[in-house]
Amino acid sequence: MGSYHDLVVFKMSRQLTIMTYKNVISKLPPSETYALSSQIRRAVTSITFNIAEGFGRKTIKDRIHFLYIARGSAYELEAQLITCMDIGYLTKEELLPVMQMQDQTTRILMRLIRSYELKC
C-alpha cells in the first residue's frame, strides 16, 4: 500500500483548501477573521489532516473513523459556504467552483470509506 500522499482524495482535499483560502477566506470582511473565516479554515484543513491522521493509525477501523471525521468536516465546509452566500458575502457564482470541488472531494472520500468498510 502506498502513502496517503498518493490518494486522489488527499490531493483533492489539498486543492480544495487552496481554492477555499483564495476564493472564499480572502474575500470575507475583516470582521469575520475570528468568526466565520476561522471556522472555514478549521473545517477545510480538517479534511486533509484527518485523511492523513487516519493513515497513521494501526487498524482499518481507526482509519475509517478518521475518514468519517474528514467527511463531516467536508459537510461542515459546505454549510459554511452556504452561510457565506446567505449573508451576502459571496455570490453563488463566486462559490460554485469551491462548492463543486467540495462535492467531488466528499464523493471520492465516501468511495474510499466504502472500500475500507468492505475489508472489515
PDB file of N, CA and C in Angstrom:
ATOM      1  N   MET A   1       0.846  -1.186   0.000  1.00  0.00           N
ATOM      2  CA  MET A   1       0.000   0.000   0.000  1.00  0.00           C
ATOM      3  C   MET A   1       0.882   1.238   0.000  1.00  0.00           C
ATOM      4  N   GLY A   2       0.533   2.205  -0.795  1.00  0.00           N
ATOM      5  CA  GLY A   2       1.307   3.430  -0.884  1.00  0.00           C
ATOM      6  C   GLY A   2       1.006   4.388   0.251  1.00  0.00           C
ATOM      7  N   SER A   3       1.516   5.548   0.094  1.00  0.00           N
ATOM      8  CA  SER A   3       1.334   6.608   1.079  1.00  0.00           C
ATOM      9  C   SER A   3      -0.005   7.313   0.856  1.00  0.00           C
ATOM     10  N   TYR A   4      -0.480   7.957   1.892  1.00  0.00           N
ATOM     11  CA  TYR A   4      -1.701   8.752   1.728  1.00  0.00           C
ATOM     12  C   TYR A   4      -1.474   9.900   0.746  1.00  0.00           C
ATOM     13  N   HIS A   5      -0.219  10.269   0.544  1.00  0.00           N
ATOM     14  CA  HIS A   5       0.111  11.332  -0.427  1.00  0.00           C
ATOM     15  C   HIS A   5      -0.342  10.956  -1.836  1.00  0.00           C
ATOM     16  N   ASP A   6      -0.405   9.650  -2.094  1.00  0.00           N
ATOM     17  CA  ASP A   6      -0.764   9.160  -3.421  1.00  0.00           C
ATOM     18  C   ASP A   6      -2.268   9.103  -3.662  1.00  0.00           C
ATOM     19  N   LEU A   7      -3.053   9.241  -2.613  1.00  0.00           N
ATOM     20  CA  LEU A   7      -4.509   9.153  -2.747  1.00  0.00           C
ATOM     21  C   LEU A   7      -5.074  10.347  -3.511  1.00  0.00           C
ATOM     22  N   VAL A   8      -5.969  10.057  -4.431  1.00  0.00           N
ATOM     23  CA  VAL A   8      -6.649  11.115  -5.177  1.00  0.00           C
ATOM     24  C   VAL A   8      -7.382  12.049  -4.212  1.00  0.00           C
ATOM     25  N   VAL A   9      -8.045  11.484  -3.210  1.00  0.00           N
ATOM     26  CA  VAL A   9      -8.831  12.300  -2.279  1.00  0.00           C
ATOM     27  C   VAL A   9      -7.928  13.218  -1.453  1.00  0.00           C
ATOM     28  N   PHE A  10      -6.726  12.790  -1.130  1.00  0.00           N
ATOM     29  CA  PHE A  10      -5.794  13.646  -0.403  1.00  0.00           C
ATOM     30  C   PHE A  10      -5.375  14.823  -1.288  1.00  0.00           C
ATOM     31  N   LYS A  11      -5.061  14.540  -2.533  1.00  0.00           N
ATOM     32  CA  LYS A  11      -4.687  15.598  -3.478  1.00  0.00           C
ATOM     33  C   LYS A  11      -5.849  16.572  -3.692  1.00  0.00           C
ATOM     34  N   MET A  12      -7.051  16.021  -3.809  1.00  0.00           N
ATOM     35  CA  MET A  12      -8.233  16.870  -3.996  1.00  0.00           C
ATOM     36  C   MET A  12      -8.486  17.742  -2.768  1.00  0.00           C
ATOM     37  N   SER A  13      -8.303  17.179  -1.591  1.00  0.00           N
ATOM     38  CA  SER A  13      -8.540  17.959  -0.375  1.00  0.00           C
ATOM     39  C   SER A  13      -7.540  19.103  -0.257  1.00  0.00           C
ATOM     40  N   ARG A  14      -6.315  18.873  -0.689  1.00  0.00           N
ATOM     41  CA  ARG A  14      -5.319  19.949  -0.694  1.00  0.00           C
ATOM     42  C   ARG A  14      -5.726  21.054  -1.670  1.00  0.00           C
ATOM     43  N   GLN A  15      -6.213  20.654  -2.836  1.00  0.00           N
ATOM     44  CA  GLN A  15      -6.680  21.636  -3.825  1.00  0.00           C
ATOM     45  C   GLN A  15      -7.896  22.394  -3.289  1.00  0.00           C
ATOM     46  N   LEU A  16      -8.793  21.691  -2.615  1.00  0.00           N
ATOM     47  CA  LEU A  16      -9.962  22.324  -2.007  1.00  0.00           C
ATOM     48  C   LEU A  16      -9.530  23.369  -0.987  1.00  0.00           C
ATOM     49  N   THR A  17      -8.515  23.059  -0.208  1.00  0.00           N
ATOM     50  CA  THR A  17      -8.008  24.007   0.785  1.00  0.00           C
ATOM     51  C   THR A  17      -7.490  25.268   0.095  1.00  0.00           C
ATOM     52  N   ILE A  18      -6.697  25.092  -0.942  1.00  0.00           N
ATOM     53  CA  ILE A  18      -6.153  26.240  -1.678  1.00  0.00           C
ATOM     54  C   ILE A  18      -7.288  27.083  -2.262  1.00  0.00           C
ATOM     55  N   MET A  19      -8.247  26.417  -2.900  1.00  0.00           N
ATOM     56  CA  MET A  19      -9.377  27.143  -3.501  1.00  0.00           C
ATOM     57  C   MET A  19     -10.169  27.899  -2.440  1.00  0.00           C
ATOM     58  N   THR A  20     -10.376  27.275  -1.302  1.00  0.00           N
ATOM     59  CA  THR A  20     -11.162  27.900  -0.238  1.00  0.00           C
ATOM     60  C   THR A  20     -10.450  29.130   0.305  1.00  0.00           C
ATOM     61  N   TYR A  21      -9.154  29.025   0.515  1.00  0.00           N
ATOM     62  CA  TYR A  21      -8.391  30.179   1.000  1.00  0.00           C
ATOM     63  C   TYR A  21      -8.406  31.316  -0.016  1.00  0.00           C
ATOM     64  N   LYS A  22      -8.183  31.001  -1.294  1.00  0.00           N
ATOM     65  CA  LYS A  22      -8.103  32.046  -2.323  1.00  0.00           C
ATOM     66  C   LYS A  22      -9.463  32.620  -2.710  1.00  0.00           C
ATOM     67  N   ASN A  23     -10.471  31.756  -2.835  1.00  0.00           N
ATOM     68  CA  ASN A  23     -11.764  32.190  -3.368  1.00  0.00           C
ATOM     69  C   ASN A  23     -12.789  32.575  -2.316  1.00  0.00           C
ATOM     70  N   VAL A  24     -12.549  32.185  -1.064  1.00  0.00           N
ATOM     71  CA  VAL A  24     -13.542  32.454  -0.024  1.00  0.00           C
ATOM     72  C   VAL A  24     -12.939  33.264   1.121  1.00  0.00           C
ATOM     73  N   ILE A  25     -12.008  32.672   1.831  1.00  0.00           N
ATOM     74  CA  ILE A  25     -11.477  33.300   3.039  1.00  0.00           C
ATOM     75  C   ILE A  25     -10.887  34.680   2.747  1.00  0.00           C
ATOM     76  N   SER A  26     -10.148  34.798   1.673  1.00  0.00           N
ATOM     77  CA  SER A  26      -9.517  36.081   1.343  1.00  0.00           C
ATOM     78  C   SER A  26     -10.533  37.173   1.007  1.00  0.00           C
ATOM     79  N   LYS A  27     -11.760  36.788   0.714  1.00  0.00           N
ATOM     80  CA  LYS A  27     -12.794  37.750   0.324  1.00  0.00           C
ATOM     81  C   LYS A  27     -13.765  38.098   1.448  1.00  0.00           C
ATOM     82  N   LEU A  28     -13.612  37.452   2.588  1.00  0.00           N
ATOM     83  CA  LEU A  28     -14.506  37.753   3.711  1.00  0.00           C
ATOM     84  C   LEU A  28     -14.074  39.040   4.396  1.00  0.00           C
ATOM     85  N   PRO A  29     -15.016  39.766   4.971  1.00  0.00           N
ATOM     86  CA  PRO A  29     -14.665  41.028   5.639  1.00  0.00           C
ATOM     87  C   PRO A  29     -13.809  40.776   6.883  1.00  0.00           C
ATOM     88  N   PRO A  30     -13.000  41.755   7.251  1.00  0.00           N
ATOM     89  CA  PRO A  30     -12.147  41.619   8.441  1.00  0.00           C
ATOM     90  C   PRO A  30     -12.932  41.292   9.713  1.00  0.00           C
ATOM     91  N   SER A  31     -14.171  41.696   9.774  1.00  0.00           N
ATOM     92  CA  SER A  31     -14.985  41.409  10.959  1.00  0.00           C
ATOM     93  C   SER A  31     -15.212  39.914  11.160  1.00  0.00           C
ATOM     94  N   GLU A  32     -14.978  39.107  10.128  1.00  0.00           N
ATOM     95  CA  GLU A  32     -15.175  37.659  10.208  1.00  0.00           C
ATOM     96  C   GLU A  32     -13.882  36.895  10.485  1.00  0.00           C
ATOM     97  N   THR A  33     -12.780  37.611  10.695  1.00  0.00           N
ATOM     98  CA  THR A  33     -11.485  36.954  10.897  1.00  0.00           C
ATOM     99  C   THR A  33     -11.531  35.903  12.002  1.00  0.00           C
ATOM    100  N   TYR A  34     -12.169  36.227  13.117  1.00  0.00           N
ATOM    101  CA  TYR A  34     -12.198  35.308  14.254  1.00  0.00           C
ATOM    102  C   TYR A  34     -13.528  34.577  14.385  1.00  0.00           C
ATOM    103  N   ALA A  35     -14.362  34.682  13.377  1.00  0.00           N
ATOM    104  CA  ALA A  35     -15.667  34.018  13.419  1.00  0.00           C
ATOM    105  C   ALA A  35     -15.772  33.066  12.224  1.00  0.00           C
ATOM    106  N   LEU A  36     -16.544  33.424  11.229  1.00  0.00           N
ATOM    107  CA  LEU A  36     -16.805  32.543  10.090  1.00  0.00           C
ATOM    108  C   LEU A  36     -15.516  32.153   9.362  1.00  0.00           C
ATOM    109  N   SER A  37     -14.644  33.100   9.156  1.00  0.00           N
ATOM    110  CA  SER A  37     -13.379  32.814   8.479  1.00  0.00           C
ATOM    111  C   SER A  37     -12.569  31.757   9.217  1.00  0.00           C
ATOM    112  N   SER A  38     -12.502  31.893  10.511  1.00  0.00           N
ATOM    113  CA  SER A  38     -11.779  30.928  11.341  1.00  0.00           C
ATOM    114  C   SER A  38     -12.419  29.541  11.263  1.00  0.00           C
ATOM    115  N   GLN A  39     -13.737  29.499  11.309  1.00  0.00           N
ATOM    116  CA  GLN A  39     -14.460  28.223  11.223  1.00  0.00           C
ATOM    117  C   GLN A  39     -14.202  27.543   9.879  1.00  0.00           C
ATOM    118  N   ILE A  40     -14.208  28.326   8.814  1.00  0.00           N
ATOM    119  CA  ILE A  40     -13.974  27.785   7.474  1.00  0.00           C
ATOM    120  C   ILE A  40     -12.559  27.234   7.377  1.00  0.00           C
ATOM    121  N   ARG A  41     -11.582  27.965   7.890  1.00  0.00           N
ATOM    122  CA  ARG A  41     -10.195  27.488   7.867  1.00  0.00           C
ATOM    123  C   ARG A  41     -10.059  26.155   8.601  1.00  0.00           C
ATOM    124  N   ARG A  42     -10.677  26.063   9.765  1.00  0.00           N
ATOM    125  CA  ARG A  42     -10.581  24.820  10.544  1.00  0.00           C
ATOM    126  C   ARG A  42     -11.264  23.658   9.829  1.00  0.00           C
ATOM    127  N   ALA A  43     -12.419  23.906   9.237  1.00  0.00           N
ATOM    128  CA  ALA A  43     -13.146  22.822   8.561  1.00  0.00           C
ATOM    129  C   ALA A  43     -12.394  22.320   7.332  1.00  0.00           C
ATOM    130  N   VAL A  44     -11.924  23.227   6.501  1.00  0.00           N
ATOM    131  CA  VAL A  44     -11.292  22.795   5.251  1.00  0.00           C
ATOM    132  C   VAL A  44      -9.958  22.108   5.513  1.00  0.00           C
ATOM    133  N   THR A  45      -9.197  22.584   6.468  1.00  0.00           N
ATOM    134  CA  THR A  45      -7.925  21.913   6.766  1.00  0.00           C
ATOM    135  C   THR A  45      -8.156  20.589   7.485  1.00  0.00           C
ATOM    136  N   SER A  46      -9.240  20.487   8.223  1.00  0.00           N
ATOM    137  CA  SER A  46      -9.566  19.250   8.926  1.00  0.00           C
ATOM    138  C   SER A  46      -9.765  18.087   7.959  1.00  0.00           C
ATOM    139  N   ILE A  47     -10.238  18.364   6.780  1.00  0.00           N
ATOM    140  CA  ILE A  47     -10.442  17.305   5.788  1.00  0.00           C
ATOM    141  C   ILE A  47      -9.101  16.643   5.468  1.00  0.00           C
ATOM    142  N   THR A  48      -8.145  17.454   5.068  1.00  0.00           N
ATOM    143  CA  THR A  48      -6.817  16.948   4.717  1.00  0.00           C
ATOM    144  C   THR A  48      -6.123  16.311   5.912  1.00  0.00           C
ATOM    145  N   PHE A  49      -6.181  16.974   7.046  1.00  0.00           N
ATOM    146  CA  PHE A  49      -5.469  16.493   8.232  1.00  0.00           C
ATOM    147  C   PHE A  49      -6.012  15.157   8.722  1.00  0.00           C
ATOM    148  N   ASN A  50      -7.328  14.972   8.654  1.00  0.00           N
ATOM    149  CA  ASN A  50      -7.908  13.714   9.127  1.00  0.00           C
ATOM    150  C   ASN A  50      -7.680  12.562   8.156  1.00  0.00           C
ATOM    151  N   ILE A  51      -7.576  12.856   6.884  1.00  0.00           N
ATOM    152  CA  ILE A  51      -7.185  11.810   5.931  1.00  0.00           C
ATOM    153  C   ILE A  51      -5.784  11.323   6.295  1.00  0.00           C
ATOM    154  N   ALA A  52      -4.883  12.260   6.520  1.00  0.00           N
ATOM    155  CA  ALA A  52      -3.510  11.897   6.882  1.00  0.00           C
ATOM    156  C   ALA A  52      -3.467  11.164   8.221  1.00  0.00           C
ATOM    157  N   GLU A  53      -4.174  11.673   9.209  1.00  0.00           N
ATOM    158  CA  GLU A  53      -4.142  11.043  10.534  1.00  0.00           C
ATOM    159  C   GLU A  53      -4.677   9.617  10.483  1.00  0.00           C
ATOM    160  N   GLY A  54      -5.719   9.401   9.701  1.00  0.00           N
ATOM    161  CA  GLY A  54      -6.265   8.061   9.577  1.00  0.00           C
ATOM    162  C   GLY A  54      -5.243   7.071   9.060  1.00  0.00           C
ATOM    163  N   PHE A  55      -4.389   7.522   8.161  1.00  0.00           N
ATOM    164  CA  PHE A  55      -3.379   6.633   7.615  1.00  0.00           C
ATOM    165  C   PHE A  55      -2.246   6.368   8.593  1.00  0.00           C
ATOM    166  N   GLY A  56      -2.162   7.171   9.631  1.00  0.00           N
ATOM    167  CA  GLY A  56      -1.170   6.939  10.659  1.00  0.00           C
ATOM    168  C   GLY A  56      -1.651   5.998  11.744  1.00  0.00           C
ATOM    169  N   ARG A  57      -2.884   5.574  11.659  1.00  0.00           N
ATOM    170  CA  ARG A  57      -3.466   4.683  12.667  1.00  0.00           C
ATOM    171  C   ARG A  57      -3.205   3.220  12.320  1.00  0.00           C
ATOM    172  N   LYS A  58      -3.276   2.389  13.317  1.00  0.00           N
ATOM    173  CA  LYS A  58      -2.883   0.986  13.179  1.00  0.00           C
ATOM    174  C   LYS A  58      -3.924   0.128  12.459  1.00  0.00           C
ATOM    175  N   THR A  59      -5.194   0.360  12.741  1.00  0.00           N
ATOM    176  CA  THR A  59      -6.216  -0.537  12.196  1.00  0.00           C
ATOM    177  C   THR A  59      -7.055   0.151  11.124  1.00  0.00           C
ATOM    178  N   ILE A  60      -7.661  -0.672  10.301  1.00  0.00           N
ATOM    179  CA  ILE A  60      -8.560  -0.141   9.269  1.00  0.00           C
ATOM    180  C   ILE A  60      -9.757   0.540   9.928  1.00  0.00           C
ATOM    181  N   LYS A  61     -10.218  -0.022  11.030  1.00  0.00           N
ATOM    182  CA  LYS A  61     -11.350   0.582  11.746  1.00  0.00           C
ATOM    183  C   LYS A  61     -11.005   2.007  12.187  1.00  0.00           C
ATOM    184  N   ASP A  62      -9.804   2.222  12.701  1.00  0.00           N
ATOM    185  CA  ASP A  62      -9.367   3.571  13.087  1.00  0.00           C
ATOM    186  C   ASP A  62      -9.268   4.481  11.869  1.00  0.00           C
ATOM    187  N   ARG A  63      -8.750   3.930  10.772  1.00  0.00           N
ATOM    188  CA  ARG A  63      -8.624   4.717   9.543  1.00  0.00           C
ATOM    189  C   ARG A  63     -10.000   5.188   9.074  1.00  0.00           C
ATOM    190  N   ILE A  64     -10.960   4.282   9.085  1.00  0.00           N
ATOM    191  CA  ILE A  64     -12.327   4.626   8.683  1.00  0.00           C
ATOM    192  C   ILE A  64     -12.883   5.722   9.582  1.00  0.00           C
ATOM    193  N   HIS A  65     -12.634   5.601  10.876  1.00  0.00           N
ATOM    194  CA  HIS A  65     -13.120   6.604  11.829  1.00  0.00           C
ATOM    195  C   HIS A  65     -12.636   8.007  11.437  1.00  0.00           C
ATOM    196  N   PHE A  66     -11.353   8.140  11.117  1.00  0.00           N
ATOM    197  CA  PHE A  66     -10.825   9.454  10.760  1.00  0.00           C
ATOM    198  C   PHE A  66     -11.295   9.912   9.388  1.00  0.00           C
ATOM    199  N   LEU A  67     -11.538   8.978   8.493  1.00  0.00           N
ATOM    200  CA  LEU A  67     -12.102   9.356   7.193  1.00  0.00           C
ATOM    201  C   LEU A  67     -13.525   9.885   7.358  1.00  0.00           C
ATOM    202  N   TYR A  68     -14.274   9.319   8.295  1.00  0.00           N
ATOM    203  CA  TYR A  68     -15.607   9.854   8.578  1.00  0.00           C
ATOM    204  C   TYR A  68     -15.533  11.250   9.201  1.00  0.00           C
ATOM    205  N   ILE A  69     -14.529  11.485  10.013  1.00  0.00           N
ATOM    206  CA  ILE A  69     -14.346  12.838  10.568  1.00  0.00           C
ATOM    207  C   ILE A  69     -14.055  13.813   9.429  1.00  0.00           C
ATOM    208  N   ALA A  70     -13.200  13.394   8.493  1.00  0.00           N
ATOM    209  CA  ALA A  70     -12.903  14.237   7.323  1.00  0.00           C
ATOM    210  C   ALA A  70     -14.180  14.519   6.531  1.00  0.00           C
ATOM    211  N   ARG A  71     -15.009  13.502   6.371  1.00  0.00           N
ATOM    212  CA  ARG A  71     -16.282  13.673   5.654  1.00  0.00           C
ATOM    213  C   ARG A  71     -17.190  14.661   6.379  1.00  0.00           C
ATOM    214  N   GLY A  72     -17.247  14.555   7.696  1.00  0.00           N
ATOM    215  CA  GLY A  72     -18.038  15.503   8.476  1.00  0.00           C
ATOM    216  C   GLY A  72     -17.542  16.926   8.289  1.00  0.00           C
ATOM    217  N   SER A  73     -16.242  17.095   8.248  1.00  0.00           N
ATOM    218  CA  SER A  73     -15.671  18.430   8.031  1.00  0.00           C
ATOM    219  C   SER A  73     -16.007  18.955   6.639  1.00  0.00           C
ATOM    220  N   ALA A  74     -16.072  18.063   5.666  1.00  0.00           N
ATOM    221  CA  ALA A  74     -16.448  18.475   4.310  1.00  0.00           C
ATOM    222  C   ALA A  74     -17.885  18.997   4.273  1.00  0.00           C
ATOM    223  N   TYR A  75     -18.772  18.314   4.995  1.00  0.00           N
ATOM    224  CA  TYR A  75     -20.151  18.789   5.065  1.00  0.00           C
ATOM    225  C   TYR A  75     -20.250  20.092   5.865  1.00  0.00           C
ATOM    226  N   GLU A  76     -19.437  20.206   6.893  1.00  0.00           N
ATOM    227  CA  GLU A  76     -19.402  21.459   7.654  1.00  0.00           C
ATOM    228  C   GLU A  76     -18.969  22.608   6.740  1.00  0.00           C
ATOM    229  N   LEU A  77     -17.948  22.366   5.924  1.00  0.00           N
ATOM    230  CA  LEU A  77     -17.491  23.387   4.981  1.00  0.00           C
ATOM    231  C   LEU A  77     -18.621  23.781   4.029  1.00  0.00           C
ATOM    232  N   GLU A  78     -19.347  22.796   3.540  1.00  0.00           N
ATOM    233  CA  GLU A  78     -20.466  23.089   2.631  1.00  0.00           C
ATOM    234  C   GLU A  78     -21.473  24.028   3.294  1.00  0.00           C
ATOM    235  N   ALA A  79     -21.822  23.750   4.532  1.00  0.00           N
ATOM    236  CA  ALA A  79     -22.779  24.602   5.252  1.00  0.00           C
ATOM    237  C   ALA A  79     -22.216  26.010   5.452  1.00  0.00           C
ATOM    238  N   GLN A  80     -20.927  26.103   5.700  1.00  0.00           N
ATOM    239  CA  GLN A  80     -20.309  27.417   5.879  1.00  0.00           C
ATOM    240  C   GLN A  80     -20.302  28.204   4.576  1.00  0.00           C
ATOM    241  N   LEU A  81     -20.081  27.538   3.466  1.00  0.00           N
ATOM    242  CA  LEU A  81     -20.122  28.211   2.168  1.00  0.00           C
ATOM    243  C   LEU A  81     -21.535  28.708   1.876  1.00  0.00           C
ATOM    244  N   ILE A  82     -22.523  27.906   2.202  1.00  0.00           N
ATOM    245  CA  ILE A  82     -23.918  28.329   2.031  1.00  0.00           C
ATOM    246  C   ILE A  82     -24.202  29.548   2.899  1.00  0.00           C
ATOM    247  N   THR A  83     -23.679  29.562   4.106  1.00  0.00           N
ATOM    248  CA  THR A  83     -23.848  30.709   5.003  1.00  0.00           C
ATOM    249  C   THR A  83     -23.227  31.970   4.400  1.00  0.00           C
ATOM    250  N   CYS A  84     -22.057  31.834   3.794  1.00  0.00           N
ATOM    251  CA  CYS A  84     -21.418  32.979   3.133  1.00  0.00           C
ATOM    252  C   CYS A  84     -22.323  33.557   2.052  1.00  0.00           C
ATOM    253  N   MET A  85     -22.998  32.680   1.340  1.00  0.00           N
ATOM    254  CA  MET A  85     -23.924  33.107   0.294  1.00  0.00           C
ATOM    255  C   MET A  85     -25.175  33.734   0.918  1.00  0.00           C
ATOM    256  N   ASP A  86     -25.718  33.093   1.953  1.00  0.00           N
ATOM    257  CA  ASP A  86     -26.929  33.597   2.597  1.00  0.00           C
ATOM    258  C   ASP A  86     -26.725  34.993   3.180  1.00  0.00           C
ATOM    259  N   ILE A  87     -25.572  35.218   3.765  1.00  0.00           N
ATOM    260  CA  ILE A  87     -25.274  36.512   4.382  1.00  0.00           C
ATOM    261  C   ILE A  87     -24.988  37.574   3.324  1.00  0.00           C
ATOM    262  N   GLY A  88     -24.580  37.120   2.135  1.00  0.00           N
ATOM    263  CA  GLY A  88     -24.299  38.056   1.054  1.00  0.00           C
ATOM    264  C   GLY A  88     -22.831  38.410   0.917  1.00  0.00           C
ATOM    265  N   TYR A  89     -21.965  37.633   1.561  1.00  0.00           N
ATOM    266  CA  TYR A  89     -20.529  37.892   1.437  1.00  0.00           C
ATOM    267  C   TYR A  89     -20.016  37.509   0.062  1.00  0.00           C
ATOM    268  N   LEU A  90     -20.569  36.429  -0.494  1.00  0.00           N
ATOM    269  CA  LEU A  90     -20.164  35.943  -1.806  1.00  0.00           C
ATOM    270  C   LEU A  90     -21.398  35.474  -2.563  1.00  0.00           C
ATOM    271  N   THR A  91     -21.319  35.544  -3.875  1.00  0.00           N
ATOM    272  CA  THR A  91     -22.440  35.105  -4.701  1.00  0.00           C
ATOM    273  C   THR A  91     -22.330  33.607  -4.989  1.00  0.00           C
ATOM    274  N   LYS A  92     -23.425  33.057  -5.452  1.00  0.00           N
ATOM    275  CA  LYS A  92     -23.446  31.644  -5.832  1.00  0.00           C
ATOM    276  C   LYS A  92     -22.408  31.376  -6.914  1.00  0.00           C
ATOM    277  N   GLU A  93     -22.281  32.294  -7.844  1.00  0.00           N
ATOM    278  CA  GLU A  93     -21.317  32.143  -8.933  1.00  0.00           C
ATOM    279  C   GLU A  93     -19.881  32.141  -8.413  1.00  0.00           C
ATOM    280  N   GLU A  94     -19.597  32.975  -7.423  1.00  0.00           N
ATOM    281  CA  GLU A  94     -18.255  33.017  -6.845  1.00  0.00           C
ATOM    282  C   GLU A  94     -17.936  31.733  -6.075  1.00  0.00           C
ATOM    283  N   LEU A  95     -18.944  31.172  -5.446  1.00  0.00           N
ATOM    284  CA  LEU A  95     -18.753  29.982  -4.624  1.00  0.00           C
ATOM    285  C   LEU A  95     -18.819  28.677  -5.404  1.00  0.00           C
ATOM    286  N   LEU A  96     -19.388  28.716  -6.593  1.00  0.00           N
ATOM    287  CA  LEU A  96     -19.629  27.490  -7.349  1.00  0.00           C
ATOM    288  C   LEU A  96     -18.392  26.609  -7.538  1.00  0.00           C
ATOM    289  N   PRO A  97     -17.239  27.141  -7.957  1.00  0.00           N
ATOM    290  CA  PRO A  97     -16.076  26.261  -8.128  1.00  0.00           C
ATOM    291  C   PRO A  97     -15.646  25.569  -6.827  1.00  0.00           C
ATOM    292  N   VAL A  98     -15.712  26.277  -5.723  1.00  0.00           N
ATOM    293  CA  VAL A  98     -15.331  25.703  -4.432  1.00  0.00           C
ATOM    294  C   VAL A  98     -16.358  24.658  -4.012  1.00  0.00           C
ATOM    295  N   MET A  99     -17.625  24.960  -4.208  1.00  0.00           N
ATOM    296  CA  MET A  99     -18.669  24.012  -3.837  1.00  0.00           C
ATOM    297  C   MET A  99     -18.596  22.743  -4.686  1.00  0.00           C
ATOM    298  N   GLN A 100     -18.254  22.890  -5.957  1.00  0.00           N
ATOM    299  CA  GLN A 100     -18.114  21.716  -6.819  1.00  0.00           C
ATOM    300  C   GLN A 100     -16.929  20.856  -6.371  1.00  0.00           C
ATOM    301  N   MET A 101     -15.828  21.504  -6.014  1.00  0.00           N
ATOM    302  CA  MET A 101     -14.665  20.755  -5.537  1.00  0.00           C
ATOM    303  C   MET A 101     -14.965  20.079  -4.197  1.00  0.00           C
ATOM    304  N   GLN A 102     -15.711  20.765  -3.349  1.00  0.00           N
ATOM    305  CA  GLN A 102     -16.109  20.170  -2.066  1.00  0.00           C
ATOM    306  C   GLN A 102     -16.963  18.939  -2.317  1.00  0.00           C
ATOM    307  N   ASP A 103     -17.898  19.022  -3.236  1.00  0.00           N
ATOM    308  CA  ASP A 103     -18.781  17.901  -3.549  1.00  0.00           C
ATOM    309  C   ASP A 103     -17.988  16.723  -4.119  1.00  0.00           C
ATOM    310  N   GLN A 104     -17.089  16.986  -5.048  1.00  0.00           N
ATOM    311  CA  GLN A 104     -16.282  15.925  -5.638  1.00  0.00           C
ATOM    312  C   GLN A 104     -15.395  15.258  -4.586  1.00  0.00           C
ATOM    313  N   THR A 105     -14.800  16.064  -3.726  1.00  0.00           N
ATOM    314  CA  THR A 105     -13.938  15.538  -2.672  1.00  0.00           C
ATOM    315  C   THR A 105     -14.741  14.643  -1.735  1.00  0.00           C
ATOM    316  N   THR A 106     -15.937  15.084  -1.358  1.00  0.00           N
ATOM    317  CA  THR A 106     -16.788  14.302  -0.461  1.00  0.00           C
ATOM    318  C   THR A 106     -17.176  12.978  -1.098  1.00  0.00           C
ATOM    319  N   ARG A 107     -17.497  12.992  -2.376  1.00  0.00           N
ATOM    320  CA  ARG A 107     -17.883  11.761  -3.074  1.00  0.00           C
ATOM    321  C   ARG A 107     -16.727  10.754  -3.127  1.00  0.00           C
ATOM    322  N   ILE A 108     -15.538  11.239  -3.461  1.00  0.00           N
ATOM    323  CA  ILE A 108     -14.359  10.365  -3.528  1.00  0.00           C
ATOM    324  C   ILE A 108     -14.028   9.827  -2.134  1.00  0.00           C
ATOM    325  N   LEU A 109     -14.162  10.680  -1.143  1.00  0.00           N
ATOM    326  CA  LEU A 109     -13.916  10.279   0.243  1.00  0.00           C
ATOM    327  C   LEU A 109     -14.866   9.157   0.655  1.00  0.00           C
ATOM    328  N   MET A 110     -16.124   9.289   0.286  1.00  0.00           N
ATOM    329  CA  MET A 110     -17.101   8.268   0.640  1.00  0.00           C
ATOM    330  C   MET A 110     -16.795   6.949  -0.065  1.00  0.00           C
ATOM    331  N   ARG A 111     -16.319   7.010  -1.299  1.00  0.00           N
ATOM    332  CA  ARG A 111     -15.935   5.777  -2.005  1.00  0.00           C
ATOM    333  C   ARG A 111     -14.763   5.093  -1.305  1.00  0.00           C
ATOM    334  N   LEU A 112     -13.818   5.886  -0.825  1.00  0.00           N
ATOM    335  CA  LEU A 112     -12.688   5.322  -0.096  1.00  0.00           C
ATOM    336  C   LEU A 112     -13.155   4.669   1.197  1.00  0.00           C
ATOM    337  N   ILE A 113     -14.045   5.340   1.902  1.00  0.00           N
ATOM    338  CA  ILE A 113     -14.583   4.784   3.137  1.00  0.00           C
ATOM    339  C   ILE A 113     -15.269   3.448   2.854  1.00  0.00           C
ATOM    340  N   ARG A 114     -16.092   3.407   1.831  1.00  0.00           N
ATOM    341  CA  ARG A 114     -16.798   2.158   1.488  1.00  0.00           C
ATOM    342  C   ARG A 114     -15.835   1.043   1.149  1.00  0.00           C
ATOM    343  N   SER A 115     -14.761   1.376   0.445  1.00  0.00           N
ATOM    344  CA  SER A 115     -13.791   0.333   0.081  1.00  0.00           C
ATOM    345  C   SER A 115     -13.129  -0.243   1.321  1.00  0.00           C
ATOM    346  N   TYR A 116     -12.856   0.595   2.314  1.00  0.00           N
ATOM    347  CA  TYR A 116     -12.296   0.093   3.579  1.00  0.00           C
ATOM    348  C   TYR A 116     -13.323  -0.686   4.378  1.00  0.00           C
ATOM    349  N   GLU A 117     -14.563  -0.236   4.358  1.00  0.00           N
ATOM    350  CA  GLU A 117     -15.599  -0.949   5.105  1.00  0.00           C
ATOM    351  C   GLU A 117     -15.802  -2.364   4.566  1.00  0.00           C
ATOM    352  N   LEU A 118     -15.593  -2.555   3.275  1.00  0.00           N
ATOM    353  CA  LEU A 118     -15.728  -3.882   2.703  1.00  0.00           C
ATOM    354  C   LEU A 118     -14.627  -4.822   3.177  1.00  0.00           C
ATOM    355  N   LYS A 119     -13.519  -4.243   3.636  1.00  0.00           N
ATOM    356  CA  LYS A 119     -12.395  -5.054   4.134  1.00  0.00           C
ATOM    357  C   LYS A 119     -12.604  -5.482   5.592  1.00  0.00           C
ATOM    358  N   CYS A 120     -13.516  -4.840   6.265  1.00  0.00           N
ATOM    359  CA  CYS A 120     -13.741  -5.154   7.698  1.00  0.00           C
ATOM    360  C   CYS A 120     -14.665  -6.340   7.878  1.00  0.00           C
TER     361      CYS A 120
END
